Amino acid sequence: THGAKHYFHPVVGEMHFSYESFQVPGDGEQTLCVYNVE
């Protein structure tokens, strides 16, 4: 449902994200993932 992830891009390097995942209201079959950065 939430947490932190980091990715490495070959051009810009390491990136750190916090994220939240939740079911779309009215459609429990879909999950929306929102990634944020500081």
ModelCIF file with pLDDT and N, C-alpha, C, O atoms, coordinates in Angstrom:
data_MODEL
#
_entry.id   MODEL 
#
_entity.id                         1 
_entity.type                       polymer 
_entity.pdbx_number_of_molecules   1 
#
_entity_poly.entity_id                      1 
_entity_poly.type                           'polypeptide(L)' 
_entity_poly.nstd_linkage                   no 
_entity_poly.nstd_monomer                   no 
_entity_poly.pdbx_seq_one_letter_code       THGAKHYFHPVVGEMHFSYESFQVPGDGEQTLCVYNVE 
_entity_poly.pdbx_seq_one_letter_code_can   THGAKHYFHPVVGEMHFSYESFQVPGDGEQTLCVYNVE 
_entity_poly.pdbx_strand_id                 A 
#
loop_
_entity_poly_seq.entity_id 
_entity_poly_seq.num 
_entity_poly_seq.mon_id 
_entity_poly_seq.hetero 
1 1  THR n 
1 2  HIS n 
1 3  GLY n 
1 4  ALA n 
1 5  LYS n 
1 6  HIS n 
1 7  TYR n 
1 8  PHE n 
1 9  HIS n 
1 10 PRO n 
1 11 VAL n 
1 12 VAL n 
1 13 GLY n 
1 14 GLU n 
1 15 MET n 
1 16 HIS n 
1 17 PHE n 
1 18 SER n 
1 19 TYR n 
1 20 GLU n 
1 21 SER n 
1 22 PHE n 
1 23 GLN n 
1 24 VAL n 
1 25 PRO n 
1 26 GLY n 
1 27 ASP n 
1 28 GLY n 
1 29 GLU n 
1 30 GLN n 
1 31 THR n 
1 32 LEU n 
1 33 CYS n 
1 34 VAL n 
1 35 TYR n 
1 36 ASN n 
1 37 VAL n 
1 38 GLU n 
#
_struct_asym.id          A 
_struct_asym.entity_id   1 
#
loop_
_ma_qa_metric.id 
_ma_qa_metric.mode 
_ma_qa_metric.name 
_ma_qa_metric.software_group_id 
_ma_qa_metric.type 
1 global pLDDT . pLDDT 
2 local  pLDDT . pLDDT 
#
_ma_qa_metric_global.metric_id      1 
_ma_qa_metric_global.metric_value   90.24 
_ma_qa_metric_global.model_id       1 
_ma_qa_metric_global.ordinal_id     1 
#
loop_
_ma_qa_metric_local.label_asym_id 
_ma_qa_metric_local.label_comp_id 
_ma_qa_metric_local.label_seq_id 
_ma_qa_metric_local.metric_id 
_ma_qa_metric_local.metric_value 
_ma_qa_metric_local.model_id 
_ma_qa_metric_local.ordinal_id 
A THR 1  2 86.00 1 1  
A HIS 2  2 91.00 1 2  
A GLY 3  2 90.00 1 3  
A ALA 4  2 92.00 1 4  
A LYS 5  2 93.00 1 5  
A HIS 6  2 93.00 1 6  
A TYR 7  2 95.00 1 7  
A PHE 8  2 95.00 1 8  
A HIS 9  2 94.00 1 9  
A PRO 10 2 91.00 1 10 
A VAL 11 2 91.00 1 11 
A VAL 12 2 94.00 1 12 
A GLY 13 2 94.00 1 13 
A GLU 14 2 96.00 1 14 
A MET 15 2 96.00 1 15 
A HIS 16 2 96.00 1 16 
A PHE 17 2 95.00 1 17 
A SER 18 2 95.00 1 18 
A TYR 19 2 93.00 1 19 
A GLU 20 2 93.00 1 20 
A SER 21 2 89.00 1 21 
A PHE 22 2 87.00 1 22 
A GLN 23 2 85.00 1 23 
A VAL 24 2 83.00 1 24 
A PRO 25 2 87.00 1 25 
A GLY 26 2 86.00 1 26 
A ASP 27 2 84.00 1 27 
A GLY 28 2 77.00 1 28 
A GLU 29 2 80.00 1 29 
A GLN 30 2 84.00 1 30 
A THR 31 2 85.00 1 31 
A LEU 32 2 87.00 1 32 
A CYS 33 2 88.00 1 33 
A VAL 34 2 91.00 1 34 
A TYR 35 2 92.00 1 35 
A ASN 36 2 93.00 1 36 
A VAL 37 2 94.00 1 37 
A GLU 38 2 94.00 1 38 
#
loop_
_atom_site.group_PDB 
_atom_site.id 
_atom_site.type_symbol 
_atom_site.label_atom_id 
_atom_site.label_alt_id 
_atom_site.label_comp_id 
_atom_site.label_asym_id 
_atom_site.label_entity_id 
_atom_site.label_seq_id 
_atom_site.pdbx_PDB_ins_code 
_atom_site.Cartn_x 
_atom_site.Cartn_y 
_atom_site.Cartn_z 
_atom_site.occupancy 
_atom_site.B_iso_or_equiv 
_atom_site.pdbx_formal_charge 
_atom_site.auth_seq_id 
_atom_site.auth_comp_id 
_atom_site.auth_asym_id 
_atom_site.auth_atom_id 
_atom_site.pdbx_PDB_model_num 
ATOM 1   N N  . THR A 1 1  ? 0.807   -1.220 0.000   1.00 86.00 ? 1  THR A N  1 
ATOM 2   C CA . THR A 1 1  ? 0.000   0.000  0.000   1.00 86.00 ? 1  THR A CA 1 
ATOM 3   C C  . THR A 1 1  ? 0.842   1.272  0.000   1.00 86.00 ? 1  THR A C  1 
ATOM 4   O O  . THR A 1 1  ? 0.381   2.322  -0.449  1.00 86.00 ? 1  THR A O  1 
ATOM 5   N N  . HIS A 1 2  ? 2.065   1.184  0.498   1.00 91.00 ? 2  HIS A N  1 
ATOM 6   C CA . HIS A 1 2  ? 2.932   2.356  0.518   1.00 91.00 ? 2  HIS A CA 1 
ATOM 7   C C  . HIS A 1 2  ? 4.358   1.899  0.800   1.00 91.00 ? 2  HIS A C  1 
ATOM 8   O O  . HIS A 1 2  ? 4.601   0.770  1.227   1.00 91.00 ? 2  HIS A O  1 
ATOM 9   N N  . GLY A 1 3  ? 5.271   2.794  0.551   1.00 90.00 ? 3  GLY A N  1 
ATOM 10  C CA . GLY A 1 3  ? 6.655   2.455  0.824   1.00 90.00 ? 3  GLY A CA 1 
ATOM 11  C C  . GLY A 1 3  ? 7.608   3.338  0.066   1.00 90.00 ? 3  GLY A C  1 
ATOM 12  O O  . GLY A 1 3  ? 7.259   4.442  -0.353  1.00 90.00 ? 3  GLY A O  1 
ATOM 13  N N  . ALA A 1 4  ? 8.805   2.849  -0.105  1.00 92.00 ? 4  ALA A N  1 
ATOM 14  C CA . ALA A 1 4  ? 9.857   3.571  -0.818  1.00 92.00 ? 4  ALA A CA 1 
ATOM 15  C C  . ALA A 1 4  ? 10.481  2.630  -1.842  1.00 92.00 ? 4  ALA A C  1 
ATOM 16  O O  . ALA A 1 4  ? 10.617  1.429  -1.610  1.00 92.00 ? 4  ALA A O  1 
ATOM 17  N N  . LYS A 1 5  ? 10.848  3.199  -2.957  1.00 93.00 ? 5  LYS A N  1 
ATOM 18  C CA . LYS A 1 5  ? 11.562  2.446  -3.998  1.00 93.00 ? 5  LYS A CA 1 
ATOM 19  C C  . LYS A 1 5  ? 12.637  3.349  -4.562  1.00 93.00 ? 5  LYS A C  1 
ATOM 20  O O  . LYS A 1 5  ? 12.535  4.575  -4.530  1.00 93.00 ? 5  LYS A O  1 
ATOM 21  N N  . HIS A 1 6  ? 13.661  2.714  -5.074  1.00 93.00 ? 6  HIS A N  1 
ATOM 22  C CA . HIS A 1 6  ? 14.644  3.498  -5.810  1.00 93.00 ? 6  HIS A CA 1 
ATOM 23  C C  . HIS A 1 6  ? 14.982  2.781  -7.101  1.00 93.00 ? 6  HIS A C  1 
ATOM 24  O O  . HIS A 1 6  ? 14.976  1.553  -7.196  1.00 93.00 ? 6  HIS A O  1 
ATOM 25  N N  . TYR A 1 7  ? 15.273  3.601  -8.079  1.00 95.00 ? 7  TYR A N  1 
ATOM 26  C CA . TYR A 1 7  ? 15.578  3.128  -9.419  1.00 95.00 ? 7  TYR A CA 1 
ATOM 27  C C  . TYR A 1 7  ? 16.864  3.788  -9.885  1.00 95.00 ? 7  TYR A C  1 
ATOM 28  O O  . TYR A 1 7  ? 17.246  4.854  -9.403  1.00 95.00 ? 7  TYR A O  1 
ATOM 29  N N  . PHE A 1 8  ? 17.516  3.141  -10.824 1.00 95.00 ? 8  PHE A N  1 
ATOM 30  C CA . PHE A 1 8  ? 18.721  3.692  -11.416 1.00 95.00 ? 8  PHE A CA 1 
ATOM 31  C C  . PHE A 1 8  ? 18.458  3.924  -12.896 1.00 95.00 ? 8  PHE A C  1 
ATOM 32  O O  . PHE A 1 8  ? 18.062  3.008  -13.616 1.00 95.00 ? 8  PHE A O  1 
ATOM 33  N N  . HIS A 1 9  ? 18.676  5.140  -13.339 1.00 94.00 ? 9  HIS A N  1 
ATOM 34  C CA . HIS A 1 9  ? 18.541  5.471  -14.761 1.00 94.00 ? 9  HIS A CA 1 
ATOM 35  C C  . HIS A 1 9  ? 19.940  5.661  -15.327 1.00 94.00 ? 9  HIS A C  1 
ATOM 36  O O  . HIS A 1 9  ? 20.765  6.326  -14.701 1.00 94.00 ? 9  HIS A O  1 
ATOM 37  N N  . PRO A 1 10 ? 20.228  5.095  -16.491 1.00 91.00 ? 10 PRO A N  1 
ATOM 38  C CA . PRO A 1 10 ? 21.592  5.155  -17.026 1.00 91.00 ? 10 PRO A CA 1 
ATOM 39  C C  . PRO A 1 10 ? 22.088  6.572  -17.309 1.00 91.00 ? 10 PRO A C  1 
ATOM 40  O O  . PRO A 1 10 ? 23.297  6.787  -17.403 1.00 91.00 ? 10 PRO A O  1 
ATOM 41  N N  . VAL A 1 11 ? 21.191  7.534  -17.444 1.00 91.00 ? 11 VAL A N  1 
ATOM 42  C CA . VAL A 1 11 ? 21.613  8.903  -17.748 1.00 91.00 ? 11 VAL A CA 1 
ATOM 43  C C  . VAL A 1 11 ? 21.631  9.785  -16.506 1.00 91.00 ? 11 VAL A C  1 
ATOM 44  O O  . VAL A 1 11 ? 22.589  10.531 -16.299 1.00 91.00 ? 11 VAL A O  1 
ATOM 45  N N  . VAL A 1 12 ? 20.599  9.717  -15.681 1.00 94.00 ? 12 VAL A N  1 
ATOM 46  C CA . VAL A 1 12 ? 20.488  10.644 -14.549 1.00 94.00 ? 12 VAL A CA 1 
ATOM 47  C C  . VAL A 1 12 ? 20.851  10.011 -13.209 1.00 94.00 ? 12 VAL A C  1 
ATOM 48  O O  . VAL A 1 12 ? 20.890  10.704 -12.193 1.00 94.00 ? 12 VAL A O  1 
ATOM 49  N N  . GLY A 1 13 ? 21.116  8.717  -13.191 1.00 94.00 ? 13 GLY A N  1 
ATOM 50  C CA . GLY A 1 13 ? 21.569  8.060  -11.977 1.00 94.00 ? 13 GLY A CA 1 
ATOM 51  C C  . GLY A 1 13 ? 20.449  7.576  -11.076 1.00 94.00 ? 13 GLY A C  1 
ATOM 52  O O  . GLY A 1 13 ? 19.345  7.281  -11.535 1.00 94.00 ? 13 GLY A O  1 
ATOM 53  N N  . GLU A 1 14 ? 20.751  7.499  -9.775  1.00 96.00 ? 14 GLU A N  1 
ATOM 54  C CA . GLU A 1 14 ? 19.832  6.923  -8.802  1.00 96.00 ? 14 GLU A CA 1 
ATOM 55  C C  . GLU A 1 14 ? 18.725  7.917  -8.452  1.00 96.00 ? 14 GLU A C  1 
ATOM 56  O O  . GLU A 1 14 ? 18.958  9.116  -8.297  1.00 96.00 ? 14 GLU A O  1 
ATOM 57  N N  . MET A 1 15 ? 17.511  7.371  -8.333  1.00 96.00 ? 15 MET A N  1 
ATOM 58  C CA . MET A 1 15 ? 16.346  8.182  -7.983  1.00 96.00 ? 15 MET A CA 1 
ATOM 59  C C  . MET A 1 15 ? 15.580  7.476  -6.869  1.00 96.00 ? 15 MET A C  1 
ATOM 60  O O  . MET A 1 15 ? 15.421  6.256  -6.887  1.00 96.00 ? 15 MET A O  1 
ATOM 61  N N  . HIS A 1 16 ? 15.105  8.262  -5.896  1.00 96.00 ? 16 HIS A N  1 
ATOM 62  C CA . HIS A 1 16 ? 14.388  7.730  -4.737  1.00 96.00 ? 16 HIS A CA 1 
ATOM 63  C C  . HIS A 1 16 ? 12.961  8.265  -4.717  1.00 96.00 ? 16 HIS A C  1 
ATOM 64  O O  . HIS A 1 16 ? 12.727  9.465  -4.855  1.00 96.00 ? 16 HIS A O  1 
ATOM 65  N N  . PHE A 1 17 ? 12.016  7.347  -4.541  1.00 95.00 ? 17 PHE A N  1 
ATOM 66  C CA . PHE A 1 17 ? 10.600  7.693  -4.549  1.00 95.00 ? 17 PHE A CA 1 
ATOM 67  C C  . PHE A 1 17 ? 9.916   7.158  -3.305  1.00 95.00 ? 17 PHE A C  1 
ATOM 68  O O  . PHE A 1 17 ? 10.305  6.123  -2.763  1.00 95.00 ? 17 PHE A O  1 
ATOM 69  N N  . SER A 1 18 ? 8.896   7.871  -2.859  1.00 95.00 ? 18 SER A N  1 
ATOM 70  C CA . SER A 1 18 ? 7.934   7.287  -1.934  1.00 95.00 ? 18 SER A CA 1 
ATOM 71  C C  . SER A 1 18 ? 6.699   7.013  -2.780  1.00 95.00 ? 18 SER A C  1 
ATOM 72  O O  . SER A 1 18 ? 6.440   7.718  -3.756  1.00 95.00 ? 18 SER A O  1 
ATOM 73  N N  . TYR A 1 19 ? 5.943   5.996  -2.410  1.00 93.00 ? 19 TYR A N  1 
ATOM 74  C CA . TYR A 1 19 ? 4.772   5.675  -3.222  1.00 93.00 ? 19 TYR A CA 1 
ATOM 75  C C  . TYR A 1 19 ? 3.606   5.265  -2.340  1.00 93.00 ? 19 TYR A C  1 
ATOM 76  O O  . TYR A 1 19 ? 3.768   4.858  -1.189  1.00 93.00 ? 19 TYR A O  1 
ATOM 77  N N  . GLU A 1 20 ? 2.441   5.388  -2.920  1.00 93.00 ? 20 GLU A N  1 
ATOM 78  C CA . GLU A 1 20 ? 1.208   4.893  -2.321  1.00 93.00 ? 20 GLU A CA 1 
ATOM 79  C C  . GLU A 1 20 ? 0.441   4.167  -3.413  1.00 93.00 ? 20 GLU A C  1 
ATOM 80  O O  . GLU A 1 20 ? 0.371   4.625  -4.553  1.00 93.00 ? 20 GLU A O  1 
ATOM 81  N N  . SER A 1 21 ? -0.128  3.034  -3.048  1.00 89.00 ? 21 SER A N  1 
ATOM 82  C CA . SER A 1 21 ? -0.952  2.250  -3.965  1.00 89.00 ? 21 SER A CA 1 
ATOM 83  C C  . SER A 1 21 ? -2.320  2.087  -3.330  1.00 89.00 ? 21 SER A C  1 
ATOM 84  O O  . SER A 1 21 ? -2.431  1.752  -2.151  1.00 89.00 ? 21 SER A O  1 
ATOM 85  N N  . PHE A 1 22 ? -3.347  2.322  -4.103  1.00 87.00 ? 22 PHE A N  1 
ATOM 86  C CA . PHE A 1 22 ? -4.690  2.153  -3.572  1.00 87.00 ? 22 PHE A CA 1 
ATOM 87  C C  . PHE A 1 22 ? -5.650  1.760  -4.674  1.00 87.00 ? 22 PHE A C  1 
ATOM 88  O O  . PHE A 1 22 ? -5.428  2.049  -5.850  1.00 87.00 ? 22 PHE A O  1 
ATOM 89  N N  . GLN A 1 23 ? -6.719  1.097  -4.273  1.00 85.00 ? 23 GLN A N  1 
ATOM 90  C CA . GLN A 1 23 ? -7.723  0.694  -5.245  1.00 85.00 ? 23 GLN A CA 1 
ATOM 91  C C  . GLN A 1 23 ? -8.507  1.917  -5.684  1.00 85.00 ? 23 GLN A C  1 
ATOM 92  O O  . GLN A 1 23 ? -8.800  2.813  -4.892  1.00 85.00 ? 23 GLN A O  1 
ATOM 93  N N  . VAL A 1 24 ? -8.835  1.929  -6.959  1.00 83.00 ? 24 VAL A N  1 
ATOM 94  C CA . VAL A 1 24 ? -9.596  3.032  -7.519  1.00 83.00 ? 24 VAL A CA 1 
ATOM 95  C C  . VAL A 1 24 ? -11.015 2.964  -6.963  1.00 83.00 ? 24 VAL A C  1 
ATOM 96  O O  . VAL A 1 24 ? -11.656 1.917  -7.047  1.00 83.00 ? 24 VAL A O  1 
ATOM 97  N N  . PRO A 1 25 ? -11.522 4.069  -6.393  1.00 87.00 ? 25 PRO A N  1 
ATOM 98  C CA . PRO A 1 25 ? -12.896 4.042  -5.875  1.00 87.00 ? 25 PRO A CA 1 
ATOM 99  C C  . PRO A 1 25 ? -13.880 3.604  -6.955  1.00 87.00 ? 25 PRO A C  1 
ATOM 100 O O  . PRO A 1 25 ? -13.862 4.115  -8.075  1.00 87.00 ? 25 PRO A O  1 
ATOM 101 N N  . GLY A 1 26 ? -14.722 2.668  -6.606  1.00 86.00 ? 26 GLY A N  1 
ATOM 102 C CA . GLY A 1 26 ? -15.719 2.176  -7.547  1.00 86.00 ? 26 GLY A CA 1 
ATOM 103 C C  . GLY A 1 26 ? -15.223 1.057  -8.444  1.00 86.00 ? 26 GLY A C  1 
ATOM 104 O O  . GLY A 1 26 ? -16.011 0.476  -9.190  1.00 86.00 ? 26 GLY A O  1 
ATOM 105 N N  . ASP A 1 27 ? -13.928 0.740  -8.389  1.00 84.00 ? 27 ASP A N  1 
ATOM 106 C CA . ASP A 1 27 ? -13.390 -0.350 -9.202  1.00 84.00 ? 27 ASP A CA 1 
ATOM 107 C C  . ASP A 1 27 ? -12.280 -1.044 -8.438  1.00 84.00 ? 27 ASP A C  1 
ATOM 108 O O  . ASP A 1 27 ? -11.110 -0.691 -8.580  1.00 84.00 ? 27 ASP A O  1 
ATOM 109 N N  . GLY A 1 28 ? -12.638 -2.023 -7.635  1.00 77.00 ? 28 GLY A N  1 
ATOM 110 C CA . GLY A 1 28 ? -11.674 -2.754 -6.827  1.00 77.00 ? 28 GLY A CA 1 
ATOM 111 C C  . GLY A 1 28 ? -10.704 -3.587 -7.624  1.00 77.00 ? 28 GLY A C  1 
ATOM 112 O O  . GLY A 1 28 ? -9.784  -4.170 -7.051  1.00 77.00 ? 28 GLY A O  1 
ATOM 113 N N  . GLU A 1 29 ? -10.879 -3.662 -8.933  1.00 80.00 ? 29 GLU A N  1 
ATOM 114 C CA . GLU A 1 29 ? -9.985  -4.443 -9.797  1.00 80.00 ? 29 GLU A CA 1 
ATOM 115 C C  . GLU A 1 29 ? -8.786  -3.627 -10.272 1.00 80.00 ? 29 GLU A C  1 
ATOM 116 O O  . GLU A 1 29 ? -7.842  -4.188 -10.828 1.00 80.00 ? 29 GLU A O  1 
ATOM 117 N N  . GLN A 1 30 ? -8.809  -2.318 -10.060 1.00 84.00 ? 30 GLN A N  1 
ATOM 118 C CA . GLN A 1 30 ? -7.714  -1.471 -10.518 1.00 84.00 ? 30 GLN A CA 1 
ATOM 119 C C  . GLN A 1 30 ? -6.984  -0.873 -9.324  1.00 84.00 ? 30 GLN A C  1 
ATOM 120 O O  . GLN A 1 30 ? -7.598  -0.494 -8.326  1.00 84.00 ? 30 GLN A O  1 
ATOM 121 N N  . THR A 1 31 ? -5.671  -0.797 -9.444  1.00 85.00 ? 31 THR A N  1 
ATOM 122 C CA . THR A 1 31 ? -4.836  -0.201 -8.413  1.00 85.00 ? 31 THR A CA 1 
ATOM 123 C C  . THR A 1 31 ? -4.108  0.983  -9.023  1.00 85.00 ? 31 THR A C  1 
ATOM 124 O O  . THR A 1 31 ? -3.499  0.873  -10.088 1.00 85.00 ? 31 THR A O  1 
ATOM 125 N N  . LEU A 1 32 ? -4.175  2.098  -8.348  1.00 87.00 ? 32 LEU A N  1 
ATOM 126 C CA . LEU A 1 32 ? -3.470  3.294  -8.782  1.00 87.00 ? 32 LEU A CA 1 
ATOM 127 C C  . LEU A 1 32 ? -2.223  3.436  -7.926  1.00 87.00 ? 32 LEU A C  1 
ATOM 128 O O  . LEU A 1 32 ? -2.301  3.404  -6.698  1.00 87.00 ? 32 LEU A O  1 
ATOM 129 N N  . CYS A 1 33 ? -1.077  3.592  -8.568  1.00 88.00 ? 33 CYS A N  1 
ATOM 130 C CA . CYS A 1 33 ? 0.190   3.775  -7.854  1.00 88.00 ? 33 CYS A CA 1 
ATOM 131 C C  . CYS A 1 33 ? 0.664   5.205  -8.108  1.00 88.00 ? 33 CYS A C  1 
ATOM 132 O O  . CYS A 1 33 ? 0.809   5.631  -9.253  1.00 88.00 ? 33 CYS A O  1 
ATOM 133 N N  . VAL A 1 34 ? 0.900   5.927  -7.031  1.00 91.00 ? 34 VAL A N  1 
ATOM 134 C CA . VAL A 1 34 ? 1.344   7.315  -7.119  1.00 91.00 ? 34 VAL A CA 1 
ATOM 135 C C  . VAL A 1 34 ? 2.740   7.391  -6.507  1.00 91.00 ? 34 VAL A C  1 
ATOM 136 O O  . VAL A 1 34 ? 2.948   7.024  -5.351  1.00 91.00 ? 34 VAL A O  1 
ATOM 137 N N  . TYR A 1 35 ? 3.682   7.870  -7.299  1.00 92.00 ? 35 TYR A N  1 
ATOM 138 C CA . TYR A 1 35 ? 5.064   8.017  -6.850  1.00 92.00 ? 35 TYR A CA 1 
ATOM 139 C C  . TYR A 1 35 ? 5.344   9.494  -6.619  1.00 92.00 ? 35 TYR A C  1 
ATOM 140 O O  . TYR A 1 35 ? 4.982   10.341 -7.437  1.00 92.00 ? 35 TYR A O  1 
ATOM 141 N N  . ASN A 1 36 ? 5.992   9.796  -5.495  1.00 93.00 ? 36 ASN A N  1 
ATOM 142 C CA . ASN A 1 36 ? 6.319   11.172 -5.144  1.00 93.00 ? 36 ASN A CA 1 
ATOM 143 C C  . ASN A 1 36 ? 7.807   11.289 -4.864  1.00 93.00 ? 36 ASN A C  1 
ATOM 144 O O  . ASN A 1 36 ? 8.478   10.322 -4.506  1.00 93.00 ? 36 ASN A O  1 
ATOM 145 N N  . VAL A 1 37 ? 8.298   12.514 -5.041  1.00 94.00 ? 37 VAL A N  1 
ATOM 146 C CA . VAL A 1 37 ? 9.685   12.812 -4.703  1.00 94.00 ? 37 VAL A CA 1 
ATOM 147 C C  . VAL A 1 37 ? 9.715   14.053 -3.827  1.00 94.00 ? 37 VAL A C  1 
ATOM 148 O O  . VAL A 1 37 ? 8.798   14.875 -3.849  1.00 94.00 ? 37 VAL A O  1 
ATOM 149 N N  . GLU A 1 38 ? 10.770  14.168 -3.068  1.00 94.00 ? 38 GLU A N  1 
ATOM 150 C CA . GLU A 1 38 ? 10.941  15.328 -2.208  1.00 94.00 ? 38 GLU A CA 1 
ATOM 151 C C  . GLU A 1 38 ? 11.308  16.531 -3.074  1.00 94.00 ? 38 GLU A C  1 
ATOM 152 O O  . GLU A 1 38 ? 11.502  17.630 -2.553  1.00 94.00 ? 38 GLU A O  1 
#
